[in-house]
Amino acid sequence: MDGTLIQIREKGLYVEEYGQKDKPPVLYLHGGPGESCFDFTYHQRERLENYFRVIAIDQRGVCRSEIIGEEESFSLDDIIEDCEALRKHLKINKWSIIGHSFGGFLALLYASKFPNSIDKIIFECPTFDFALTSRFLLKKTAMLARKYGNEDLANRCMDLSRNQEVTPKELTEGYMNLSDELGENRMEIYRYINDNPTDYHSAYTDEEWDKFYDRSDIHYNRLQSEGKIYESLLTKIKEVKRPMLLMTTEHDAATCEIHIDTFKKDAAIGQVYHFMNCGHTPHYEQPDEFTKVVVDFLTM
């Protein structure tokens, strides 16, 4: 991929940039935490670069960005500060944001902290509340466990999803551990359409991806330890006065009804677009439709 390391706040940040500089600028924030922007640019680069100046990053410490050192401080706020510093570095007055999954969490936090830096926001199957999302994911995991004949796993997932005594962190960790028991079927939690796979080996070897994801593990573990990701952002929706689009899908298991209802009720300038026959990642499951929705919203 055509990316480069840019020193942002004394740290190497991996940045890909596509499209002409006079086009409307758009920043893509990936999910995870720690997933990389690779699959987004793989599927959307050629679709979006004719309309926008697209900037996609691997967040601080993720994959192709510089590793976070053992003695180095790192927090959720660093990701937001990096975005703002990158905007200034690129001499962009305002940009729009596309935030996928955890990237939607970041986009909402960014817009609430730096409202004058944002034009419009697209939330692609976001989480704004890790506890709510984890409960929703546990129900999807239970459904798949039953599909594959594992009633014990299904019952344990449902028991945890109903437990009101556990913390958001315990819910998230519990979901990760239980969903791992699905083995090779785990990606069915997220993916509904398999016709447009990302060719991760088109640019990097298995050994390189192993190295990248070792970096991402540090990023994720440090955010978990800090704990700010477990604080709900639902109340911040009403604070944002910029146009916002919430993308939902028929088979997503991250953006639950409480997310959707709160957005509809509280978004000052909000729209919802619903993808049929799609899972958690419309940017590659329904790439052409995704592009059309993005272009229509950001250029209207």
C-alpha atoms as a PDB file:
ATOM      1  CA  MET A   1       0.000   0.000   0.000  1.00  0.00           C
ATOM      2  CA  ASP A   2       1.093   3.596  -0.602  1.00  0.00           C
ATOM      3  CA  GLY A   3       1.585   4.832   2.931  1.00  0.00           C
ATOM      4  CA  THR A   4       4.249   6.663   4.862  1.00  0.00           C
ATOM      5  CA  LEU A   5       5.319   7.216   8.446  1.00  0.00           C
ATOM      6  CA  ILE A   6       4.747  10.786   9.575  1.00  0.00           C
ATOM      7  CA  GLN A   7       6.121  12.065  12.868  1.00  0.00           C
ATOM      8  CA  ILE A   8       3.054  13.213  14.801  1.00  0.00           C
ATOM      9  CA  ARG A   9       3.552  14.285  18.402  1.00  0.00           C
ATOM     10  CA  GLU A  10       6.991  12.613  18.404  1.00  0.00           C
ATOM     11  CA  LYS A  11       5.608   9.272  17.203  1.00  0.00           C
ATOM     12  CA  GLY A  12       5.634   7.599  13.797  1.00  0.00           C
ATOM     13  CA  LEU A  13       2.060   7.439  12.507  1.00  0.00           C
ATOM     14  CA  TYR A  14       1.310   5.364   9.398  1.00  0.00           C
ATOM     15  CA  VAL A  15      -0.714   7.495   6.973  1.00  0.00           C
ATOM     16  CA  GLU A  16      -2.170   6.725   3.534  1.00  0.00           C
ATOM     17  CA  GLU A  17      -3.465   9.593   1.410  1.00  0.00           C
ATOM     18  CA  TYR A  18      -5.417   9.351  -1.848  1.00  0.00           C
ATOM     19  CA  GLY A  19      -7.168  11.820  -4.132  1.00  0.00           C
ATOM     20  CA  GLN A  20      -6.384  15.391  -5.083  1.00  0.00           C
ATOM     21  CA  LYS A  21      -5.597  17.904  -2.368  1.00  0.00           C
ATOM     22  CA  ASP A  22      -8.317  20.274  -3.565  1.00  0.00           C
ATOM     23  CA  LYS A  23     -11.015  17.651  -2.933  1.00  0.00           C
ATOM     24  CA  PRO A  24     -12.984  17.608   0.359  1.00  0.00           C
ATOM     25  CA  PRO A  25     -10.759  15.946   2.998  1.00  0.00           C
ATOM     26  CA  VAL A  26     -11.996  12.822   4.782  1.00  0.00           C
ATOM     27  CA  LEU A  27     -10.264  10.994   7.642  1.00  0.00           C
ATOM     28  CA  TYR A  28     -10.927   7.265   8.101  1.00  0.00           C
ATOM     29  CA  LEU A  29     -10.676   5.844  11.640  1.00  0.00           C
ATOM     30  CA  HIS A  30     -10.474   2.053  11.836  1.00  0.00           C
ATOM     31  CA  GLY A  31     -11.998  -0.187  14.460  1.00  0.00           C
ATOM     32  CA  GLY A  32     -10.659  -2.783  16.824  1.00  0.00           C
ATOM     33  CA  PRO A  33      -9.078  -1.402  18.894  1.00  0.00           C
ATOM     34  CA  GLY A  34      -6.088  -2.248  16.745  1.00  0.00           C
ATOM     35  CA  GLU A  35      -7.488  -3.406  13.394  1.00  0.00           C
ATOM     36  CA  SER A  36      -5.595  -1.144  10.893  1.00  0.00           C
ATOM     37  CA  CYS A  37      -6.961   0.812   7.924  1.00  0.00           C
ATOM     38  CA  PHE A  38      -5.791  -1.845   5.428  1.00  0.00           C
ATOM     39  CA  ASP A  39      -9.153  -3.373   4.516  1.00  0.00           C
ATOM     40  CA  PHE A  40     -10.822   0.025   4.128  1.00  0.00           C
ATOM     41  CA  THR A  41      -8.273   1.390   1.662  1.00  0.00           C
ATOM     42  CA  TYR A  42      -8.075  -1.979  -0.114  1.00  0.00           C
ATOM     43  CA  HIS A  43     -11.780  -1.759  -0.990  1.00  0.00           C
ATOM     44  CA  GLN A  44     -12.515   1.964  -0.986  1.00  0.00           C
ATOM     45  CA  ARG A  45      -9.391   3.707  -2.282  1.00  0.00           C
ATOM     46  CA  GLU A  46     -10.278   3.573  -5.977  1.00  0.00           C
ATOM     47  CA  ARG A  47     -13.954   4.152  -5.252  1.00  0.00           C
ATOM     48  CA  LEU A  48     -13.536   7.291  -3.124  1.00  0.00           C
ATOM     49  CA  GLU A  49     -10.383   8.978  -4.424  1.00  0.00           C
ATOM     50  CA  ASN A  50     -12.196  10.607  -7.336  1.00  0.00           C
ATOM     51  CA  TYR A  51     -14.467  12.455  -4.927  1.00  0.00           C
ATOM     52  CA  PHE A  52     -12.365  13.153  -1.824  1.00  0.00           C
ATOM     53  CA  ARG A  53      -8.917  13.638  -0.414  1.00  0.00           C
ATOM     54  CA  VAL A  54      -8.930  10.447   1.650  1.00  0.00           C
ATOM     55  CA  ILE A  55      -6.618  10.163   4.650  1.00  0.00           C
ATOM     56  CA  ALA A  56      -6.464   6.791   6.404  1.00  0.00           C
ATOM     57  CA  ILE A  57      -4.267   5.972   9.387  1.00  0.00           C
ATOM     58  CA  ASP A  58      -3.151   3.082  11.512  1.00  0.00           C
ATOM     59  CA  GLN A  59      -3.717   4.609  14.922  1.00  0.00           C
ATOM     60  CA  ARG A  60      -0.846   5.144  17.365  1.00  0.00           C
ATOM     61  CA  GLY A  61       0.920   1.842  17.976  1.00  0.00           C
ATOM     62  CA  VAL A  62      -1.285  -0.108  15.533  1.00  0.00           C
ATOM     63  CA  CYS A  63       0.133  -2.417  12.832  1.00  0.00           C
ATOM     64  CA  ARG A  64       2.287  -0.244  10.555  1.00  0.00           C
ATOM     65  CA  SER A  65       2.591   2.685  12.967  1.00  0.00           C
ATOM     66  CA  GLU A  66       5.508   2.887  15.368  1.00  0.00           C
ATOM     67  CA  ILE A  67       5.296   0.469  18.293  1.00  0.00           C
ATOM     68  CA  ILE A  68       4.356   1.766  21.751  1.00  0.00           C
ATOM     69  CA  GLY A  69       7.315   1.284  24.104  1.00  0.00           C
ATOM     70  CA  GLU A  70       7.070  -0.483  27.450  1.00  0.00           C
ATOM     71  CA  GLU A  71       7.842   2.665  29.437  1.00  0.00           C
ATOM     72  CA  GLU A  72       5.919   4.981  27.136  1.00  0.00           C
ATOM     73  CA  SER A  73       2.675   6.592  28.249  1.00  0.00           C
ATOM     74  CA  PHE A  74      -0.350   5.938  26.038  1.00  0.00           C
ATOM     75  CA  SER A  75      -4.041   6.676  26.490  1.00  0.00           C
ATOM     76  CA  LEU A  76      -7.271   6.988  24.544  1.00  0.00           C
ATOM     77  CA  ASP A  77      -6.748  10.747  24.456  1.00  0.00           C
ATOM     78  CA  ASP A  78      -3.481  10.245  22.533  1.00  0.00           C
ATOM     79  CA  ILE A  79      -5.415   8.865  19.550  1.00  0.00           C
ATOM     80  CA  ILE A  80      -7.651  11.952  19.470  1.00  0.00           C
ATOM     81  CA  GLU A  81      -4.718  14.329  19.908  1.00  0.00           C
ATOM     82  CA  ASP A  82      -2.885  12.534  17.087  1.00  0.00           C
ATOM     83  CA  CYS A  83      -5.847  13.089  14.750  1.00  0.00           C
ATOM     84  CA  GLU A  84      -5.941  16.778  15.532  1.00  0.00           C
ATOM     85  CA  ALA A  85      -2.172  17.133  15.184  1.00  0.00           C
ATOM     86  CA  LEU A  86      -2.294  15.308  11.839  1.00  0.00           C
ATOM     87  CA  ARG A  87      -5.007  17.685  10.603  1.00  0.00           C
ATOM     88  CA  LYS A  88      -2.775  20.638  11.408  1.00  0.00           C
ATOM     89  CA  HIS A  89       0.275  18.928   9.898  1.00  0.00           C
ATOM     90  CA  LEU A  90      -1.614  18.423   6.632  1.00  0.00           C
ATOM     91  CA  LYS A  91      -2.827  22.040   6.743  1.00  0.00           C
ATOM     92  CA  ILE A  92      -6.466  20.995   6.605  1.00  0.00           C
ATOM     93  CA  ASN A  93      -8.960  23.507   7.969  1.00  0.00           C
ATOM     94  CA  LYS A  94     -11.821  21.047   8.528  1.00  0.00           C
ATOM     95  CA  TRP A  95     -12.314  17.466   7.546  1.00  0.00           C
ATOM     96  CA  SER A  96     -15.086  14.909   7.625  1.00  0.00           C
ATOM     97  CA  ILE A  97     -14.690  11.648   9.532  1.00  0.00           C
ATOM     98  CA  ILE A  98     -15.651   8.067   8.713  1.00  0.00           C
ATOM     99  CA  GLY A  99     -15.403   5.937  11.838  1.00  0.00           C
ATOM    100  CA  HIS A 100     -15.936   2.170  11.670  1.00  0.00           C
ATOM    101  CA  SER A 101     -16.860   0.224  14.825  1.00  0.00           C
ATOM    102  CA  PHE A 102     -14.429   1.428  17.549  1.00  0.00           C
ATOM    103  CA  GLY A 103     -13.476   4.120  15.041  1.00  0.00           C
ATOM    104  CA  GLY A 104     -17.017   5.446  15.498  1.00  0.00           C
ATOM    105  CA  PHE A 105     -16.336   5.711  19.226  1.00  0.00           C
ATOM    106  CA  LEU A 106     -13.203   7.704  18.390  1.00  0.00           C
ATOM    107  CA  ALA A 107     -15.027   9.889  15.851  1.00  0.00           C
ATOM    108  CA  LEU A 108     -17.674  10.869  18.404  1.00  0.00           C
ATOM    109  CA  LEU A 109     -15.023  11.594  21.028  1.00  0.00           C
ATOM    110  CA  TYR A 110     -13.017  13.649  18.503  1.00  0.00           C
ATOM    111  CA  ALA A 111     -16.062  15.673  17.448  1.00  0.00           C
ATOM    112  CA  SER A 112     -17.011  16.414  21.052  1.00  0.00           C
ATOM    113  CA  LYS A 113     -13.467  17.547  21.879  1.00  0.00           C
ATOM    114  CA  PHE A 114     -12.622  19.439  18.672  1.00  0.00           C
ATOM    115  CA  PRO A 115     -15.971  20.432  17.126  1.00  0.00           C
ATOM    116  CA  ASN A 116     -14.461  23.198  14.991  1.00  0.00           C
ATOM    117  CA  SER A 117     -12.189  20.690  13.232  1.00  0.00           C
ATOM    118  CA  ILE A 118     -15.050  18.570  11.912  1.00  0.00           C
ATOM    119  CA  ASP A 119     -17.314  19.091   8.912  1.00  0.00           C
ATOM    120  CA  LYS A 120     -19.462  15.923   8.851  1.00  0.00           C
ATOM    121  CA  ILE A 121     -19.310  12.511  10.515  1.00  0.00           C
ATOM    122  CA  ILE A 122     -20.197   9.045   9.254  1.00  0.00           C
ATOM    123  CA  PHE A 123     -20.500   6.287  11.840  1.00  0.00           C
ATOM    124  CA  GLU A 124     -20.174   2.861  10.191  1.00  0.00           C
ATOM    125  CA  CYS A 125     -21.647   0.218  12.525  1.00  0.00           C
ATOM    126  CA  PRO A 126     -20.184   1.975  15.574  1.00  0.00           C
ATOM    127  CA  THR A 127     -20.033   1.298  19.247  1.00  0.00           C
ATOM    128  CA  PHE A 128     -20.594   4.239  21.570  1.00  0.00           C
ATOM    129  CA  ASP A 129     -20.885   1.973  24.614  1.00  0.00           C
ATOM    130  CA  PHE A 130     -18.701  -1.126  25.006  1.00  0.00           C
ATOM    131  CA  ALA A 131     -21.018  -2.782  27.535  1.00  0.00           C
ATOM    132  CA  LEU A 132     -24.077  -2.526  25.287  1.00  0.00           C
ATOM    133  CA  THR A 133     -22.099  -3.723  22.280  1.00  0.00           C
ATOM    134  CA  SER A 134     -20.627  -6.653  24.209  1.00  0.00           C
ATOM    135  CA  ARG A 135     -24.100  -7.780  25.317  1.00  0.00           C
ATOM    136  CA  PHE A 136     -25.291  -7.587  21.705  1.00  0.00           C
ATOM    137  CA  LEU A 137     -22.228  -9.512  20.475  1.00  0.00           C
ATOM    138  CA  LEU A 138     -22.782 -12.188  23.119  1.00  0.00           C
ATOM    139  CA  LYS A 139     -26.312 -12.760  21.816  1.00  0.00           C
ATOM    140  CA  LYS A 140     -24.976 -13.153  18.270  1.00  0.00           C
ATOM    141  CA  THR A 141     -22.324 -15.560  19.567  1.00  0.00           C
ATOM    142  CA  ALA A 142     -25.032 -17.585  21.323  1.00  0.00           C
ATOM    143  CA  MET A 143     -27.042 -17.766  18.099  1.00  0.00           C
ATOM    144  CA  LEU A 144     -24.038 -19.090  16.188  1.00  0.00           C
ATOM    145  CA  ALA A 145     -23.146 -21.519  18.964  1.00  0.00           C
ATOM    146  CA  ARG A 146     -26.623 -23.031  18.664  1.00  0.00           C
ATOM    147  CA  LYS A 147     -26.285 -23.097  14.872  1.00  0.00           C
ATOM    148  CA  TYR A 148     -23.182 -25.268  15.276  1.00  0.00           C
ATOM    149  CA  GLY A 149     -24.616 -27.462  18.027  1.00  0.00           C
ATOM    150  CA  ASN A 150     -22.829 -25.998  21.050  1.00  0.00           C
ATOM    151  CA  GLU A 151     -25.705 -25.432  23.468  1.00  0.00           C
ATOM    152  CA  ASP A 152     -23.372 -25.087  26.469  1.00  0.00           C
ATOM    153  CA  LEU A 153     -21.523 -22.180  24.847  1.00  0.00           C
ATOM    154  CA  ALA A 154     -24.836 -20.582  23.870  1.00  0.00           C
ATOM    155  CA  ASN A 155     -26.098 -20.762  27.448  1.00  0.00           C
ATOM    156  CA  ARG A 156     -22.894 -19.285  28.871  1.00  0.00           C
ATOM    157  CA  CYS A 157     -23.080 -16.400  26.388  1.00  0.00           C
ATOM    158  CA  MET A 158     -26.686 -15.642  27.269  1.00  0.00           C
ATOM    159  CA  ASP A 159     -25.998 -15.877  30.999  1.00  0.00           C
ATOM    160  CA  LEU A 160     -23.209 -13.311  30.702  1.00  0.00           C
ATOM    161  CA  SER A 161     -25.255 -11.037  28.441  1.00  0.00           C
ATOM    162  CA  ARG A 162     -28.028 -10.907  31.098  1.00  0.00           C
ATOM    163  CA  ASN A 163     -25.687 -10.401  34.051  1.00  0.00           C
ATOM    164  CA  GLN A 164     -26.146  -6.856  35.371  1.00  0.00           C
ATOM    165  CA  GLU A 165     -23.440  -7.194  38.030  1.00  0.00           C
ATOM    166  CA  VAL A 166     -20.412  -7.397  35.739  1.00  0.00           C
ATOM    167  CA  THR A 167     -18.387  -4.377  34.648  1.00  0.00           C
ATOM    168  CA  PRO A 168     -18.083  -3.237  31.016  1.00  0.00           C
ATOM    169  CA  LYS A 169     -14.519  -4.541  31.006  1.00  0.00           C
ATOM    170  CA  GLU A 170     -15.627  -7.945  32.283  1.00  0.00           C
ATOM    171  CA  LEU A 171     -18.346  -8.066  29.638  1.00  0.00           C
ATOM    172  CA  THR A 172     -15.897  -7.237  26.862  1.00  0.00           C
ATOM    173  CA  GLU A 173     -13.278  -9.705  28.039  1.00  0.00           C
ATOM    174  CA  GLY A 174     -15.953 -12.355  28.576  1.00  0.00           C
ATOM    175  CA  TYR A 175     -17.244 -11.871  25.049  1.00  0.00           C
ATOM    176  CA  MET A 176     -13.719 -12.162  23.596  1.00  0.00           C
ATOM    177  CA  ASN A 177     -13.056 -15.405  25.468  1.00  0.00           C
ATOM    178  CA  LEU A 178     -16.419 -16.997  24.718  1.00  0.00           C
ATOM    179  CA  SER A 179     -16.468 -15.999  21.037  1.00  0.00           C
ATOM    180  CA  ASP A 180     -13.040 -17.602  20.603  1.00  0.00           C
ATOM    181  CA  GLU A 181     -14.741 -20.946  21.285  1.00  0.00           C
ATOM    182  CA  LEU A 182     -16.482 -20.638  17.912  1.00  0.00           C
ATOM    183  CA  GLY A 183     -13.097 -21.299  16.328  1.00  0.00           C
ATOM    184  CA  GLU A 184     -13.120 -21.023  12.536  1.00  0.00           C
ATOM    185  CA  ASN A 185     -16.753 -19.863  12.649  1.00  0.00           C
ATOM    186  CA  ARG A 186     -16.023 -16.784  14.761  1.00  0.00           C
ATOM    187  CA  MET A 187     -15.930 -14.343  11.842  1.00  0.00           C
ATOM    188  CA  GLU A 188     -19.595 -15.104  11.178  1.00  0.00           C
ATOM    189  CA  ILE A 189     -20.309 -12.803  14.119  1.00  0.00           C
ATOM    190  CA  TYR A 190     -19.144  -9.911  11.960  1.00  0.00           C
ATOM    191  CA  ARG A 191     -19.268 -10.915   8.296  1.00  0.00           C
ATOM    192  CA  TYR A 192     -22.422 -11.770   6.356  1.00  0.00           C
ATOM    193  CA  ILE A 193     -21.191 -11.454   2.754  1.00  0.00           C
ATOM    194  CA  ASN A 194     -18.013 -13.339   1.809  1.00  0.00           C
ATOM    195  CA  ASP A 195     -17.880 -12.374  -1.870  1.00  0.00           C
ATOM    196  CA  ASN A 196     -15.454  -9.450  -1.473  1.00  0.00           C
ATOM    197  CA  PRO A 197     -12.567 -10.705   0.667  1.00  0.00           C
ATOM    198  CA  THR A 198      -9.608  -8.533   1.557  1.00  0.00           C
ATOM    199  CA  ASP A 199      -6.360  -9.926   0.139  1.00  0.00           C
ATOM    200  CA  TYR A 200      -4.097  -9.246   3.090  1.00  0.00           C
ATOM    201  CA  HIS A 201      -1.223 -10.959   1.299  1.00  0.00           C
ATOM    202  CA  SER A 202      -1.334  -8.557  -1.625  1.00  0.00           C
ATOM    203  CA  ALA A 203       1.033  -6.271   0.268  1.00  0.00           C
ATOM    204  CA  TYR A 204       2.482  -8.139   3.266  1.00  0.00           C
ATOM    205  CA  THR A 205       3.608 -11.620   4.282  1.00  0.00           C
ATOM    206  CA  ASP A 206       2.268 -13.660   7.193  1.00  0.00           C
ATOM    207  CA  GLU A 207       5.416 -12.811   9.131  1.00  0.00           C
ATOM    208  CA  GLU A 208       4.871  -9.099   8.583  1.00  0.00           C
ATOM    209  CA  TRP A 209       1.231  -9.312   9.698  1.00  0.00           C
ATOM    210  CA  ASP A 210       2.315 -11.228  12.805  1.00  0.00           C
ATOM    211  CA  LYS A 211       4.687  -8.389  13.636  1.00  0.00           C
ATOM    212  CA  PHE A 212       2.006  -5.770  12.945  1.00  0.00           C
ATOM    213  CA  TYR A 213      -0.575  -7.452  15.154  1.00  0.00           C
ATOM    214  CA  ASP A 214       1.929  -7.850  17.976  1.00  0.00           C
ATOM    215  CA  ARG A 215       2.078  -4.051  17.970  1.00  0.00           C
ATOM    216  CA  SER A 216      -1.713  -3.840  17.902  1.00  0.00           C
ATOM    217  CA  ASP A 217      -1.935  -6.137  20.938  1.00  0.00           C
ATOM    218  CA  ILE A 218       0.089  -3.630  22.942  1.00  0.00           C
ATOM    219  CA  HIS A 219      -2.225  -0.814  21.792  1.00  0.00           C
ATOM    220  CA  TYR A 220      -5.327  -2.813  22.747  1.00  0.00           C
ATOM    221  CA  ASN A 221      -4.002  -4.023  26.097  1.00  0.00           C
ATOM    222  CA  ARG A 222      -2.945  -0.537  27.139  1.00  0.00           C
ATOM    223  CA  LEU A 223      -6.384   0.876  26.295  1.00  0.00           C
ATOM    224  CA  GLN A 224      -7.995  -1.932  28.259  1.00  0.00           C
ATOM    225  CA  SER A 225      -5.806  -1.245  31.270  1.00  0.00           C
ATOM    226  CA  GLU A 226      -6.518   2.474  31.159  1.00  0.00           C
ATOM    227  CA  GLY A 227     -10.252   1.817  31.069  1.00  0.00           C
ATOM    228  CA  LYS A 228     -11.532   4.969  29.342  1.00  0.00           C
ATOM    229  CA  ILE A 229     -12.866   2.915  26.440  1.00  0.00           C
ATOM    230  CA  TYR A 230     -15.399   1.439  28.875  1.00  0.00           C
ATOM    231  CA  GLU A 231     -17.024   4.788  29.582  1.00  0.00           C
ATOM    232  CA  SER A 232     -20.226   5.206  27.565  1.00  0.00           C
ATOM    233  CA  LEU A 233     -20.270   8.042  25.032  1.00  0.00           C
ATOM    234  CA  LEU A 234     -24.009   7.911  24.341  1.00  0.00           C
ATOM    235  CA  THR A 235     -24.617  11.190  26.165  1.00  0.00           C
ATOM    236  CA  LYS A 236     -22.142  12.959  23.867  1.00  0.00           C
ATOM    237  CA  ILE A 237     -24.330  12.455  20.789  1.00  0.00           C
ATOM    238  CA  LYS A 238     -26.481  15.431  21.752  1.00  0.00           C
ATOM    239  CA  GLU A 239     -23.391  17.628  22.168  1.00  0.00           C
ATOM    240  CA  VAL A 240     -22.359  17.332  18.509  1.00  0.00           C
ATOM    241  CA  LYS A 241     -23.898  19.962  16.245  1.00  0.00           C
ATOM    242  CA  ARG A 242     -22.360  18.733  13.003  1.00  0.00           C
ATOM    243  CA  PRO A 243     -24.265  16.655  10.396  1.00  0.00           C
ATOM    244  CA  MET A 244     -23.983  12.976  11.279  1.00  0.00           C
ATOM    245  CA  LEU A 245     -24.890   9.775   9.435  1.00  0.00           C
ATOM    246  CA  LEU A 246     -25.337   6.500  11.289  1.00  0.00           C
ATOM    247  CA  MET A 247     -24.851   3.422   9.099  1.00  0.00           C
ATOM    248  CA  THR A 248     -26.592   0.304  10.368  1.00  0.00           C
ATOM    249  CA  THR A 249     -26.971  -3.108   8.761  1.00  0.00           C
ATOM    250  CA  GLU A 250     -29.322  -6.062   8.819  1.00  0.00           C
ATOM    251  CA  HIS A 251     -26.812  -8.453  10.392  1.00  0.00           C
ATOM    252  CA  ASP A 252     -24.527  -6.201  12.448  1.00  0.00           C
ATOM    253  CA  ALA A 253     -23.982  -7.207  16.067  1.00  0.00           C
ATOM    254  CA  ALA A 254     -22.229  -4.061  17.340  1.00  0.00           C
ATOM    255  CA  THR A 255     -24.717  -1.204  17.027  1.00  0.00           C
ATOM    256  CA  CYS A 256     -27.643  -2.309  19.166  1.00  0.00           C
ATOM    257  CA  GLU A 257     -31.144  -0.782  19.291  1.00  0.00           C
ATOM    258  CA  ILE A 258     -30.236   1.424  22.259  1.00  0.00           C
ATOM    259  CA  HIS A 259     -27.453   2.963  20.179  1.00  0.00           C
ATOM    260  CA  ILE A 260     -29.824   3.538  17.275  1.00  0.00           C
ATOM    261  CA  ASP A 261     -32.701   4.892  19.349  1.00  0.00           C
ATOM    262  CA  THR A 262     -30.396   7.261  21.255  1.00  0.00           C
ATOM    263  CA  PHE A 263     -28.906   8.545  18.022  1.00  0.00           C
ATOM    264  CA  LYS A 264     -32.328   9.130  16.488  1.00  0.00           C
ATOM    265  CA  LYS A 265     -33.491  10.959  19.610  1.00  0.00           C
ATOM    266  CA  ASP A 266     -30.390  13.006  20.425  1.00  0.00           C
ATOM    267  CA  ALA A 267     -28.547  13.753  17.169  1.00  0.00           C
ATOM    268  CA  ALA A 268     -29.053  17.451  16.411  1.00  0.00           C
ATOM    269  CA  ILE A 269     -28.491  16.895  12.661  1.00  0.00           C
ATOM    270  CA  GLY A 270     -28.695  13.154  12.175  1.00  0.00           C
ATOM    271  CA  GLN A 271     -29.618  10.620   9.506  1.00  0.00           C
ATOM    272  CA  VAL A 272     -29.688   6.809   9.534  1.00  0.00           C
ATOM    273  CA  TYR A 273     -28.951   4.580   6.544  1.00  0.00           C
ATOM    274  CA  HIS A 274     -29.672   0.862   6.781  1.00  0.00           C
ATOM    275  CA  PHE A 275     -27.871  -1.741   4.627  1.00  0.00           C
ATOM    276  CA  MET A 276     -29.755  -4.952   3.901  1.00  0.00           C
ATOM    277  CA  ASN A 277     -27.971  -8.314   3.516  1.00  0.00           C
ATOM    278  CA  CYS A 278     -24.842  -6.980   5.204  1.00  0.00           C
ATOM    279  CA  GLY A 279     -22.804  -7.608   8.335  1.00  0.00           C
ATOM    280  CA  HIS A 280     -20.483  -5.377  10.363  1.00  0.00           C
ATOM    281  CA  THR A 281     -18.402  -4.025   7.470  1.00  0.00           C
ATOM    282  CA  PRO A 282     -20.410  -2.477   4.627  1.00  0.00           C
ATOM    283  CA  HIS A 283     -17.252  -0.806   3.282  1.00  0.00           C
ATOM    284  CA  TYR A 284     -16.210  -4.207   1.895  1.00  0.00           C
ATOM    285  CA  GLU A 285     -19.373  -6.342   2.079  1.00  0.00           C
ATOM    286  CA  GLN A 286     -21.402  -3.812   0.067  1.00  0.00           C
ATOM    287  CA  PRO A 287     -18.598  -1.594  -1.276  1.00  0.00           C
ATOM    288  CA  ASP A 288     -20.427   0.104  -4.145  1.00  0.00           C
ATOM    289  CA  GLU A 289     -23.472   0.931  -2.049  1.00  0.00           C
ATOM    290  CA  PHE A 290     -21.198   2.153   0.731  1.00  0.00           C
ATOM    291  CA  THR A 291     -19.396   4.495  -1.666  1.00  0.00           C
ATOM    292  CA  LYS A 292     -22.657   5.906  -2.985  1.00  0.00           C
ATOM    293  CA  VAL A 293     -23.983   6.594   0.501  1.00  0.00           C
ATOM    294  CA  VAL A 294     -20.725   8.265   1.547  1.00  0.00           C
ATOM    295  CA  VAL A 295     -20.570  10.426  -1.567  1.00  0.00           C
ATOM    296  CA  ASP A 296     -24.240  11.433  -1.321  1.00  0.00           C
ATOM    297  CA  PHE A 297     -23.929  12.399   2.345  1.00  0.00           C
ATOM    298  CA  LEU A 298     -20.605  14.199   2.234  1.00  0.00           C
ATOM    299  CA  THR A 299     -21.293  16.162  -0.947  1.00  0.00           C
ATOM    300  CA  MET A 300     -24.887  17.202  -0.381  1.00  0.00           C
END
